Amino acid sequence: MGPTEYPPRGFSFPPFELDPSTGELWREGERRLLQEQLLRILTLLLERPGQVVEREQLRQHRVGLAR
């Protein structure tokens, strides 16, 4: 996939940037579209930097029960 519009809005964790509203993960100008479950889990972790995330929280976000 070639470079497209850049940079996204959202989370930045070099060399990546994530736009949770579109599910786009960017790396060095290249865009990848994440699957919904992966996007949910990654967003949960990025919303809680430096915090422990319990297994049950991960499970609930994976299946879409939390938010």
Protein backbone atom coordinates (compact mmCIF):
# COMPACT_ATOMS: atom_id res chain seq x y z
CA MET A 1 0.00 0.00 0.00
CA GLY A 2 1.50 3.34 -0.98
CA PRO A 3 1.61 6.56 0.99
CA THR A 4 -1.63 8.51 1.23
CA GLU A 5 -2.88 11.45 3.28
CA TYR A 6 -0.69 11.88 6.35
CA PRO A 7 -0.52 12.37 9.36
CA PRO A 8 -3.64 11.02 11.05
CA ARG A 9 -5.33 12.30 14.21
CA GLY A 10 -5.17 10.17 17.31
CA PHE A 11 -2.31 8.41 19.06
CA SER A 12 1.37 8.68 18.25
CA PHE A 13 3.80 5.99 19.42
CA PRO A 14 6.87 6.14 17.19
CA PRO A 15 7.22 4.90 14.56
CA PHE A 16 3.42 4.42 14.52
CA GLU A 17 0.39 6.68 14.55
CA LEU A 18 -3.15 5.45 15.03
CA ASP A 19 -6.42 7.11 14.06
CA PRO A 20 -9.04 5.20 16.07
CA SER A 21 -11.93 6.91 14.29
CA THR A 22 -10.94 5.31 10.97
CA GLY A 23 -8.97 2.26 12.16
CA GLU A 24 -5.90 3.43 10.24
CA LEU A 25 -2.44 2.60 11.55
CA TRP A 26 0.35 4.62 9.94
CA ARG A 27 4.05 3.82 9.83
CA GLU A 28 6.48 6.08 7.99
CA GLY A 29 3.74 7.40 5.70
CA GLU A 30 2.21 4.03 4.87
CA ARG A 31 -1.33 3.23 5.95
CA ARG A 32 -2.73 -0.06 7.17
CA LEU A 33 -6.35 -0.68 8.11
CA LEU A 34 -6.72 -2.63 11.37
CA GLN A 35 -9.30 -5.30 12.06
CA GLU A 36 -11.96 -4.17 14.54
CA GLN A 37 -10.88 -6.39 17.46
CA LEU A 38 -7.23 -5.40 17.14
CA LEU A 39 -8.22 -1.73 16.92
CA ARG A 40 -10.31 -2.01 20.10
CA ILE A 41 -7.50 -3.63 22.09
CA LEU A 42 -4.78 -1.29 20.81
CA THR A 43 -6.94 1.77 21.55
CA LEU A 44 -7.64 0.50 25.07
CA LEU A 45 -3.91 0.10 25.75
CA LEU A 46 -3.05 3.50 24.27
CA GLU A 47 -5.74 5.21 26.36
CA ARG A 48 -4.04 3.91 29.53
CA PRO A 49 -0.30 4.52 29.14
CA GLY A 50 1.74 3.14 32.02
CA GLN A 51 -1.28 1.45 33.60
CA VAL A 52 -1.96 -2.22 34.11
CA VAL A 53 -4.87 -3.42 31.99
CA GLU A 54 -6.61 -6.46 33.42
CA ARG A 55 -7.28 -9.52 31.28
CA GLU A 56 -11.04 -9.07 31.79
CA GLN A 57 -10.86 -5.50 30.46
CA LEU A 58 -9.07 -6.79 27.36
CA ARG A 59 -11.65 -9.53 26.90
CA GLN A 60 -14.56 -7.11 27.22
CA HIS A 61 -13.07 -4.68 24.70
CA ARG A 62 -12.22 -7.50 22.31
CA VAL A 63 -15.83 -8.62 22.13
CA GLY A 64 -17.25 -5.09 22.27
CA LEU A 65 -18.85 -5.19 25.72
CA ALA A 66 -17.05 -2.17 27.18
CA ARG A 67 -16.97 1.58 26.41
